[in-house]
Amino acid sequence: MTDTPVASAVLESDLDMVKRHVRNAELRVAAQRKLIALIAARRLPLKQAQELLHLYEVTLQAHVDHLAHVEEIAIRRARPRRSGERVGRRSR
């Protein structure tokens, strides 16, 4: 059987997916910073490149925050339950 994108996507956990998003966003930010350095060295206008970098940085932070949330959920799910303790959301 071949490893199709659909089959591998099904096997990817939420935690793995969010970690991948963080890695990709980190790469995007690093690449944009290098591009800005190149543009600055050539004394070209930087405004749009800096605005895009800011957007990438905001997106990266959102991914990092989401990763923390997903990791917290994974830790809660992994801890042993006490007798009679409910699993899932609390009722209001």
Protein backbone atom coordinates (compact mmCIF):
# COMPACT_ATOMS: atom_id res chain seq x y z
CA MET A 1 0.00 0.00 0.00
CA THR A 2 1.32 3.46 -0.84
CA ASP A 3 1.48 6.28 1.64
CA THR A 4 -1.07 8.62 0.11
CA PRO A 5 -1.62 12.12 1.53
CA VAL A 6 -5.13 11.13 2.57
CA ALA A 7 -3.96 8.03 4.45
CA SER A 8 -1.14 9.87 6.21
CA ALA A 9 -3.43 12.78 7.11
CA VAL A 10 -5.85 10.40 8.78
CA LEU A 11 -3.04 8.96 10.89
CA GLU A 12 -1.71 12.36 12.01
CA SER A 13 -2.79 13.25 15.54
CA ASP A 14 -4.03 16.71 16.48
CA LEU A 15 -0.84 17.24 18.47
CA ASP A 16 1.35 16.23 15.51
CA MET A 17 -0.61 18.53 13.21
CA VAL A 18 -0.23 21.54 15.50
CA LYS A 19 3.49 20.84 15.95
CA ARG A 20 3.82 20.73 12.15
CA HIS A 21 2.02 24.06 11.88
CA VAL A 22 4.41 25.61 14.42
CA ARG A 23 7.47 24.28 12.54
CA ASN A 24 6.14 25.57 9.22
CA ALA A 25 5.36 28.98 10.70
CA GLU A 26 8.85 29.17 12.23
CA LEU A 27 10.35 28.43 8.83
CA ARG A 28 8.17 31.10 7.20
CA VAL A 29 9.26 33.71 9.77
CA ALA A 30 12.93 32.81 9.35
CA ALA A 31 12.69 32.96 5.55
CA GLN A 32 10.93 36.34 5.69
CA ARG A 33 13.61 37.74 8.03
CA LYS A 34 16.30 36.64 5.57
CA LEU A 35 14.37 38.23 2.73
CA ILE A 36 14.09 41.49 4.67
CA ALA A 37 17.85 41.48 5.28
CA LEU A 38 18.41 41.00 1.55
CA ILE A 39 15.98 43.77 0.65
CA ALA A 40 17.55 46.10 3.21
CA ALA A 41 21.05 45.35 1.90
CA ARG A 42 19.86 46.41 -1.56
CA ARG A 43 18.29 49.55 -0.05
CA LEU A 44 14.87 48.72 -1.44
CA PRO A 45 11.52 49.59 0.19
CA LEU A 46 10.83 47.34 3.19
CA LYS A 47 7.29 48.26 4.25
CA GLN A 48 5.41 45.39 2.59
CA ALA A 49 8.02 42.80 3.58
CA GLN A 50 7.90 44.00 7.20
CA GLU A 51 4.10 43.94 7.22
CA LEU A 52 4.17 40.37 5.94
CA LEU A 53 6.75 39.43 8.59
CA HIS A 54 4.45 40.85 11.26
CA LEU A 55 1.56 38.78 9.92
CA TYR A 56 3.77 35.66 9.93
CA GLU A 57 4.87 36.39 13.52
CA VAL A 58 1.27 36.85 14.69
CA THR A 59 0.31 33.59 12.98
CA LEU A 60 3.28 31.81 14.57
CA GLN A 61 2.23 33.02 18.01
CA ALA A 62 -1.31 31.77 17.38
CA HIS A 63 0.10 28.35 16.46
CA VAL A 64 2.33 28.32 19.58
CA ASP A 65 -0.67 29.22 21.77
CA HIS A 66 -2.75 26.50 20.11
CA LEU A 67 0.06 23.99 20.67
CA ALA A 68 0.12 24.81 24.38
CA HIS A 69 -3.64 24.28 24.53
CA VAL A 70 -3.52 20.95 22.68
CA GLU A 71 -0.61 19.76 24.85
CA GLU A 72 -2.59 20.66 27.98
CA ILE A 73 -5.52 18.61 26.72
CA ALA A 74 -3.22 15.67 25.91
CA ILE A 75 -1.73 15.79 29.42
CA ARG A 76 -5.19 15.87 31.02
CA ARG A 77 -6.31 12.91 28.92
CA ALA A 78 -3.16 10.93 29.75
CA ARG A 79 -3.32 11.31 33.53
CA PRO A 80 -4.88 8.48 35.53
CA ARG A 81 -8.47 9.02 36.60
CA ARG A 82 -9.65 8.69 40.15
CA SER A 83 -12.57 6.44 40.91
CA GLY A 84 -15.82 8.15 40.00
CA GLU A 85 -14.12 11.05 38.21
CA ARG A 86 -15.94 12.18 35.09
CA VAL A 87 -14.20 12.31 31.75
CA GLY A 88 -14.95 15.18 29.39
CA ARG A 89 -16.47 18.58 29.91
CA ARG A 90 -17.91 19.65 33.20
CA SER A 91 -21.60 20.34 33.31
CA ARG A 92 -22.65 23.90 34.08
